[in-house]
Each structure stands twice: as structure tokens, then as C-alpha cells.
Amino acid sequence: MLQTFTHYGCHVLIPLVVALVWYKSKWKLAFLIMFAGMLIDLDHLLANPIFDPNRCSINFHPFHTYYALIVYILLLIPKKTRLIGLGLVIHFIADIVDCSFM
């Protein structure tokens, strides 16, 4: 229960805090863009079984590799892609937190 709360809490609360603190005037849009980072979980559809509570996503799914993380970090550099990069990096951090419980 703590693992689930922490994992999904990171997916929602960290982007919300970042949006409220650093993107005050457009926090809703910033939050939605960062929250869209959840879309990288579509790569779970390639796994069999699709969901395994005892499987760590990091380095198992294609969009959850350290190579992908390098791309996500590079997205932080241009201002135009920064929110997308933040959402993806935050998603990766949330998954690392989830894996730390295993």
C-alpha cells in the first residue's frame, strides 16, 4: 500500500508542485504537459504479462531505459521542450522510487 501511494503520489504530486512553484501563471497547462509523461507507460503493452507487480520497469520496458533517460534529460535544455522533459524525468524518478521498494 505504501509502495503504491508513494509511486502514484510521485507521478501526480511532483509535477503539481513543480507547476505551482515555477509555472504559477500557467500552472494548469504545465501540470497537464508534465502529467502527460505518463504516456511512456504505453510501452508496458509490449510486455507479457502487461502488468507484473513484482517487475521493475527500469531497464525492462523500452521507454524506461537509461538510454531513454538521456534523451529525456536532453529535452530539458531547450525551453520549448522543457516541460515535456520534466514530465518524463519525473516519471522516471517515480519509477525508480517504485523499484526501490522491491
Protein backbone atom coordinates (compact mmCIF):
# COMPACT_ATOMS: atom_id res chain seq x y z
CA MET A 1 0.00 0.00 0.00
CA LEU A 2 2.82 2.41 0.88
CA GLN A 3 4.61 1.50 -2.36
CA THR A 4 1.51 2.23 -4.46
CA PHE A 5 0.78 5.51 -2.66
CA THR A 6 4.39 6.66 -2.98
CA HIS A 7 4.68 5.65 -6.64
CA TYR A 8 1.48 7.28 -7.83
CA GLY A 9 1.93 10.17 -5.41
CA CYS A 10 5.24 10.97 -7.13
CA HIS A 11 3.56 10.77 -10.54
CA VAL A 12 0.97 13.36 -9.51
CA LEU A 13 2.37 15.46 -6.67
CA ILE A 14 5.84 16.22 -8.03
CA PRO A 15 4.55 17.63 -11.35
CA LEU A 16 1.88 19.56 -9.43
CA VAL A 17 4.43 21.12 -7.06
CA VAL A 18 6.78 21.97 -9.95
CA ALA A 19 3.89 23.57 -11.85
CA LEU A 20 2.68 25.57 -8.85
CA VAL A 21 6.14 26.80 -7.85
CA TRP A 22 7.84 27.50 -11.19
CA TYR A 23 4.93 27.97 -13.62
CA LYS A 24 2.46 29.92 -11.46
CA SER A 25 0.76 31.87 -14.24
CA LYS A 26 0.14 28.77 -16.37
CA TRP A 27 0.32 26.03 -13.75
CA LYS A 28 -2.62 24.02 -15.13
CA LEU A 29 -1.09 23.73 -18.60
CA ALA A 30 2.35 23.00 -17.15
CA PHE A 31 0.90 20.28 -14.92
CA LEU A 32 -1.01 18.66 -17.79
CA ILE A 33 2.07 18.63 -20.04
CA MET A 34 4.22 17.08 -17.31
CA PHE A 35 1.48 14.63 -16.34
CA ALA A 36 1.35 13.53 -19.98
CA GLY A 37 4.73 11.93 -19.25
CA MET A 38 2.62 9.01 -18.03
CA LEU A 39 2.16 8.13 -21.71
CA ILE A 40 5.55 6.44 -21.74
CA ASP A 41 3.82 3.66 -19.81
CA LEU A 42 2.32 2.59 -23.13
CA ASP A 43 5.45 0.51 -23.54
CA HIS A 44 4.04 -1.78 -20.85
CA LEU A 45 1.67 -3.06 -23.53
CA LEU A 46 4.67 -4.78 -25.16
CA ALA A 47 5.32 -6.91 -22.07
CA ASN A 48 3.80 -10.25 -21.20
CA PRO A 49 2.14 -10.00 -18.76
CA ILE A 50 1.31 -6.35 -19.30
CA PHE A 51 1.37 -5.69 -15.55
CA ASP A 52 3.52 -7.55 -13.06
CA PRO A 53 3.59 -6.01 -9.56
CA ASN A 54 6.96 -7.65 -8.88
CA ARG A 55 8.66 -6.28 -12.02
CA CYS A 56 10.76 -3.13 -12.02
CA SER A 57 10.04 -1.00 -15.09
CA ILE A 58 13.53 0.48 -15.19
CA ASN A 59 15.59 -1.14 -17.95
CA PHE A 60 12.79 -3.61 -18.70
CA HIS A 61 10.49 -1.55 -20.91
CA PRO A 62 11.94 0.35 -23.92
CA PHE A 63 10.88 3.83 -22.77
CA HIS A 64 12.17 3.11 -19.26
CA THR A 65 15.83 2.53 -20.13
CA TYR A 66 18.77 4.68 -19.17
CA TYR A 67 19.29 5.39 -22.87
CA ALA A 68 15.78 6.85 -22.99
CA LEU A 69 16.56 8.84 -19.82
CA ILE A 70 19.46 10.52 -21.64
CA VAL A 71 17.00 11.71 -24.30
CA TYR A 72 14.58 12.90 -21.62
CA ILE A 73 17.36 14.87 -19.92
CA LEU A 74 18.34 16.44 -23.25
CA LEU A 75 14.72 17.59 -23.62
CA LEU A 76 15.27 19.75 -20.52
CA ILE A 77 17.72 22.00 -22.36
CA PRO A 78 15.53 23.78 -24.96
CA LYS A 79 12.85 25.91 -23.35
CA LYS A 80 10.26 24.62 -25.87
CA THR A 81 10.63 21.01 -24.70
CA ARG A 82 11.47 21.61 -21.04
CA LEU A 83 8.03 20.71 -19.63
CA ILE A 84 7.93 17.51 -21.66
CA GLY A 85 11.41 16.63 -20.43
CA LEU A 86 10.45 17.42 -16.85
CA GLY A 87 7.41 15.17 -17.07
CA LEU A 88 9.47 12.31 -18.46
CA VAL A 89 12.30 12.70 -15.95
CA ILE A 90 9.80 12.94 -13.07
CA HIS A 91 8.11 9.79 -14.38
CA PHE A 92 11.47 8.01 -14.43
CA ILE A 93 12.19 9.16 -10.85
CA ALA A 94 8.78 7.90 -9.72
CA ASP A 95 9.54 4.51 -11.26
CA ILE A 96 12.95 4.40 -9.57
CA VAL A 97 11.20 5.10 -6.26
CA ASP A 98 8.78 2.27 -7.03
CA CYS A 99 11.65 -0.11 -7.82
CA SER A 100 13.39 0.81 -4.56
CA PHE A 101 10.53 -0.89 -2.69
CA MET A 102 11.24 -4.21 -4.44
